[in-house]
Protein backbone atom coordinates (compact mmCIF):
# COMPACT_ATOMS: atom_id res chain seq x y z
CA MET A 1 1.10 9.51 -5.88
CA THR A 2 1.02 6.05 -7.39
CA VAL A 3 -1.20 3.00 -7.79
CA PHE A 4 -1.10 -0.14 -5.70
CA SER A 5 -0.69 -2.43 -8.71
CA ARG A 6 2.61 -0.77 -9.54
CA LEU A 7 3.75 -0.97 -5.91
CA LYS A 8 5.07 2.56 -5.80
CA ALA A 9 6.09 4.28 -2.65
CA MET A 10 7.51 2.90 0.60
CA ALA A 11 10.75 2.79 2.76
CA VAL A 12 12.57 2.61 6.05
CA ALA A 13 13.36 6.22 6.89
CA ALA A 14 10.62 7.35 9.20
CA GLY A 15 12.78 8.82 11.93
CA LEU A 16 11.14 12.23 12.10
CA VAL A 17 7.64 10.89 11.62
CA ILE A 18 7.98 8.23 14.30
CA ALA A 19 9.65 10.65 16.69
CA ALA A 20 6.64 12.95 16.37
CA LEU A 21 4.26 10.36 17.84
CA PRO A 22 3.19 10.79 21.50
CA ALA A 23 4.95 8.75 24.14
CA GLY A 24 3.32 5.61 25.49
CA ALA A 25 2.90 1.92 24.72
CA GLU A 26 3.72 1.30 21.09
CA THR A 27 3.83 -1.58 18.67
CA ARG A 28 6.30 -1.81 15.80
CA GLN A 29 6.26 -3.92 12.68
CA ASP A 30 8.88 -4.33 9.98
CA ALA A 31 8.48 -6.35 6.81
CA ARG A 32 10.22 -7.10 3.54
CA PHE A 33 8.58 -8.73 0.54
CA ASP A 34 10.04 -9.81 -2.79
CA LEU A 35 7.88 -9.39 -5.89
CA GLU A 36 8.03 -12.30 -8.32
CA ILE A 37 6.32 -12.41 -11.72
CA ARG A 38 6.23 -15.77 -13.47
CA GLY A 39 8.81 -17.00 -10.99
CA ILE A 40 11.30 -14.21 -11.72
CA ARG A 41 12.24 -11.79 -8.96
CA MET A 42 11.35 -8.30 -10.16
CA GLY A 43 11.21 -6.01 -7.13
CA GLN A 44 11.22 -5.52 -3.39
CA LEU A 45 8.79 -3.89 -0.97
CA VAL A 46 9.96 -2.85 2.50
CA TYR A 47 8.07 -1.05 5.25
CA SER A 48 8.47 -0.09 8.89
CA ALA A 49 5.49 0.94 11.01
CA VAL A 50 4.74 2.04 14.55
CA GLU A 51 1.38 2.41 16.30
CA ASN A 52 1.20 4.51 19.45
CA ALA A 53 -1.74 5.86 21.48
CA GLY A 54 -4.17 6.07 18.59
CA SER A 55 -1.59 7.32 16.09
CA TYR A 56 0.47 5.56 13.45
CA ALA A 57 3.47 6.25 11.23
CA ILE A 58 4.80 4.18 8.37
CA SER A 59 7.74 4.50 6.04
CA GLY A 60 8.52 2.32 3.08
CA ARG A 61 10.33 1.74 -0.15
CA VAL A 62 9.63 -0.13 -3.36
CA GLN A 63 12.27 -0.69 -6.00
CA THR A 64 13.07 -2.92 -8.94
CA THR A 65 15.63 -5.67 -8.43
CA GLY A 66 17.26 -8.41 -10.46
CA LEU A 67 16.67 -8.40 -14.20
CA ALA A 68 14.02 -5.69 -13.94
CA GLY A 69 16.49 -3.46 -12.14
CA LEU A 70 19.03 -3.93 -14.90
CA LEU A 71 16.52 -3.12 -17.63
CA ARG A 72 14.90 -0.15 -15.92
CA LYS A 73 15.63 1.19 -12.47
CA MET A 74 12.65 2.30 -10.38
CA ARG A 75 12.54 3.36 -6.75
CA TYR A 76 9.99 5.19 -4.62
CA ASP A 77 10.27 6.14 -0.95
CA ALA A 78 7.28 7.24 1.10
CA LYS A 79 6.15 8.01 4.63
CA VAL A 80 2.74 8.63 6.17
CA GLN A 81 1.39 9.55 9.56
CA GLY A 82 -2.17 9.54 10.81
CA ARG A 83 -4.72 8.47 13.41
CA ILE A 84 -6.28 5.12 14.26
CA THR A 85 -10.04 5.48 14.67
CA ALA A 86 -12.96 3.12 15.22
CA ARG A 87 -13.29 2.97 11.43
CA GLY A 88 -9.63 2.18 10.82
CA PHE A 89 -6.60 4.13 9.65
CA ALA A 90 -7.06 7.84 8.87
CA PRO A 91 -3.95 9.44 7.29
CA THR A 92 -3.15 13.09 7.91
CA ARG A 93 0.00 13.53 5.79
CA TYR A 94 1.67 11.49 3.07
CA ASP A 95 5.03 12.25 1.41
CA GLN A 96 6.54 10.43 -1.55
CA ASN A 97 9.60 10.85 -3.74
CA GLY A 98 11.21 8.79 -6.45
CA GLY A 99 10.84 7.79 -10.05
CA ALA A 100 11.67 5.41 -12.86
CA GLY A 101 14.47 5.86 -15.35
CA ASN A 102 15.23 9.57 -15.68
CA ARG A 103 11.91 10.69 -14.20
CA TYR A 104 11.80 11.94 -10.61
CA SER A 105 9.02 13.61 -8.62
CA GLU A 106 8.11 14.62 -5.07
CA GLU A 107 4.56 14.83 -3.71
CA THR A 108 2.79 15.70 -0.47
CA VAL A 109 -0.86 14.99 0.29
CA THR A 110 -2.62 16.17 3.46
CA TRP A 111 -6.05 15.30 4.86
CA SER A 112 -8.49 17.62 6.62
CA GLY A 113 -11.78 16.24 7.88
CA GLY A 114 -11.01 13.04 6.00
CA LEU A 115 -10.67 14.89 2.68
CA PRO A 116 -7.30 14.58 0.84
CA ARG A 117 -5.58 17.47 -0.91
CA LEU A 118 -2.43 17.44 -3.01
CA THR A 119 -0.47 20.26 -1.40
CA ARG A 120 2.84 19.88 -3.23
CA ARG A 121 4.19 18.30 -6.38
CA GLU A 122 7.59 18.82 -8.00
CA PRO A 123 7.71 19.11 -10.93
CA PRO A 124 4.20 20.63 -11.05
CA ARG A 125 1.46 18.70 -12.86
CA SER A 126 -1.88 20.12 -13.94
CA PRO A 127 -4.91 17.93 -13.10
CA GLY A 128 -5.99 15.72 -16.01
CA SER A 129 -9.53 15.74 -17.37
CA ARG A 130 -10.14 12.18 -16.20
CA ASP A 131 -8.48 12.45 -12.77
CA ALA A 132 -10.72 11.42 -9.87
CA ASP A 133 -12.22 14.53 -8.24
CA PRO A 134 -10.40 15.13 -4.90
CA ALA A 135 -13.54 16.76 -3.48
CA ARG A 136 -15.29 13.37 -3.68
CA GLN A 137 -12.56 11.35 -1.95
CA ARG A 138 -13.49 11.83 1.71
CA GLY A 139 -12.51 8.83 3.81
CA THR A 140 -9.97 7.46 1.34
CA VAL A 141 -6.42 6.51 2.32
CA ASP A 142 -3.01 6.63 0.65
CA THR A 143 -1.01 3.86 -1.01
CA LEU A 144 1.28 3.16 1.95
CA THR A 145 -1.55 3.00 4.49
CA THR A 146 -3.34 0.58 2.14
CA ILE A 147 -0.31 -1.70 1.99
CA TYR A 148 0.17 -1.71 5.76
CA ALA A 149 -3.54 -2.23 6.48
CA THR A 150 -3.48 -5.25 4.18
CA LEU A 151 -0.13 -6.87 5.06
CA ARG A 152 0.36 -6.13 8.77
CA ASP A 153 0.40 -8.78 11.51
CA VAL A 154 -3.05 -9.08 13.12
CA PRO A 155 -4.91 -11.09 15.78
CA GLN A 156 -6.84 -13.95 14.20
CA ALA A 157 -10.14 -12.13 14.71
CA GLU A 158 -8.85 -9.22 12.61
CA ALA A 159 -7.69 -11.27 9.61
CA CYS A 160 -9.19 -10.22 6.27
CA LYS A 161 -10.58 -6.95 7.61
CA GLY A 162 -8.28 -4.55 5.78
CA GLY A 163 -10.57 -3.54 2.92
CA VAL A 164 -10.11 0.16 2.04
CA VAL A 165 -10.79 2.79 -0.61
CA MET A 166 -7.58 4.36 -1.87
CA PHE A 167 -6.92 7.70 -3.60
CA ASP A 168 -3.44 8.58 -4.80
CA GLY A 169 -4.03 12.10 -6.10
CA ARG A 170 -5.18 10.85 -9.49
CA TYR A 171 -6.79 7.42 -9.25
CA ARG A 172 -9.54 6.02 -7.02
CA MET A 173 -9.24 2.30 -6.27
CA GLU A 174 -10.93 -0.16 -3.92
CA LEU A 175 -9.45 -3.13 -2.12
CA HIS A 176 -12.01 -5.74 -1.07
CA LEU A 177 -11.40 -8.72 1.22
CA ALA A 178 -13.63 -11.77 1.78
CA ARG A 179 -14.08 -13.82 4.95
CA PRO A 180 -11.07 -15.81 6.18
CA GLU A 181 -10.85 -19.50 5.35
CA ALA A 182 -8.73 -22.22 6.93
CA SER A 183 -5.95 -23.48 4.66
CA ARG A 184 -4.75 -27.07 4.40
CA ASP A 185 -1.39 -26.23 5.97
CA GLY A 186 -2.94 -24.93 9.19
CA GLY A 187 -2.90 -21.28 8.22
CA VAL A 188 -5.57 -18.89 7.00
CA ILE A 189 -6.26 -17.59 3.51
CA CYS A 190 -8.17 -14.51 2.47
CA ASN A 191 -9.37 -13.88 -1.07
CA GLY A 192 -9.62 -10.31 -2.23
CA ALA A 193 -9.61 -8.02 -5.23
CA TYR A 194 -8.06 -4.72 -6.25
CA ILE A 195 -10.59 -2.77 -8.33
CA ARG A 196 -10.05 0.24 -10.59
CA ARG A 197 -12.77 2.88 -10.13
CA GLU A 198 -11.90 6.40 -11.31
CA GLY A 199 -9.10 8.25 -13.07
CA PHE A 200 -8.19 5.50 -15.53
CA SER A 201 -8.36 5.82 -19.29
CA ALA A 202 -11.06 4.09 -21.33
CA GLU A 203 -8.38 1.74 -22.63
CA GLU A 204 -7.24 0.83 -19.11
CA MET A 205 -10.82 0.20 -17.98
CA ALA A 206 -11.50 -1.92 -21.06
CA GLU A 207 -8.29 -3.85 -20.50
CA ARG A 208 -9.22 -4.89 -16.98
CA THR A 209 -10.81 -3.43 -13.86
CA ARG A 210 -10.59 -6.25 -11.31
CA PHE A 211 -7.39 -7.94 -10.12
CA PRO A 212 -7.97 -10.91 -7.76
CA PHE A 213 -5.41 -11.82 -5.10
CA THR A 214 -5.09 -14.14 -2.10
CA LEU A 215 -3.45 -13.38 1.26
CA HIS A 216 -1.75 -16.36 2.90
CA TYR A 217 -1.49 -16.07 6.70
CA ARG A 218 0.55 -18.19 9.10
CA PRO A 219 0.80 -18.01 12.92
CA ASP A 220 3.76 -15.82 13.92
CA GLY A 221 4.44 -17.61 17.21
CA ALA A 222 3.34 -14.60 19.27
CA GLY A 223 -0.42 -15.06 19.03
CA ASN A 224 -0.95 -13.19 15.77
CA LEU A 225 -1.31 -14.10 12.11
CA ARG A 226 1.30 -12.93 9.61
CA VAL A 227 0.99 -12.60 5.84
CA THR A 228 3.75 -14.77 4.40
CA GLN A 229 2.69 -14.63 0.78
CA VAL A 230 0.31 -12.82 -1.55
CA THR A 231 -0.59 -14.53 -4.81
CA MET A 232 -2.19 -12.39 -7.49
CA GLU A 233 -3.03 -11.93 -11.14
CA SER A 234 -1.26 -9.10 -12.95
CA LEU A 235 -1.21 -7.74 -16.48
CA TYR A 236 2.11 -9.54 -16.90
CA GLY A 237 1.03 -12.97 -15.65
CA ASN A 238 0.80 -14.71 -12.28
CA ALA A 239 2.67 -12.84 -9.57
CA ARG A 240 3.32 -13.12 -5.87
CA LEU A 241 4.75 -11.19 -2.95
CA VAL A 242 6.89 -13.41 -0.73
CA ARG A 243 7.84 -12.35 2.79
CA ARG A 244 11.55 -12.63 3.58
């Protein structure tokens, strides 16, 4: 799989996954965000999610756009399904395909008892010596679940409660969120950080381990709060995700 900072994985093709959910009252959310770095549009993140009777399914896509798309094309599509428990989202299966330039790969990760296992990868890849140990990743979630847990519409009481530990088959990362604060424009802001933990090279860890960001919520008119913008620090300068 891929890391959150690179925004890999996601798209709107969850037909089979969503159809597999049990019948009953369901809630659906769709979102599209543009990624801007130093004011230049570089990519797009799209996801579609449904929650139904204690289950959830998400599909998504991330791809380069604008100048970045001309220089190097990148696109990843992903889908995940899982359960909603008292502790939060618990994925059971994650599928991803895509690549950058001439590279293309497909991966499947499944969870049993909260423990993830890479069950398929094409082309095959042998585990690296510094990869995070899958046997120690119980309770972690995938990239797409992390994105949805962080960016979804929520009641005001649930704002800033999406902190998770993520494992993508190679890297272990944490996403921390602080208490919500009222913003001057009548919305809510939530400061957080994406933190590298395991699987990264010594050079990557020396370069930087903590990437601060801020979620900007606004009322959606239906009683919930909606993330309209995410401002963040990246290795390439100030960046933001803007909801469209």
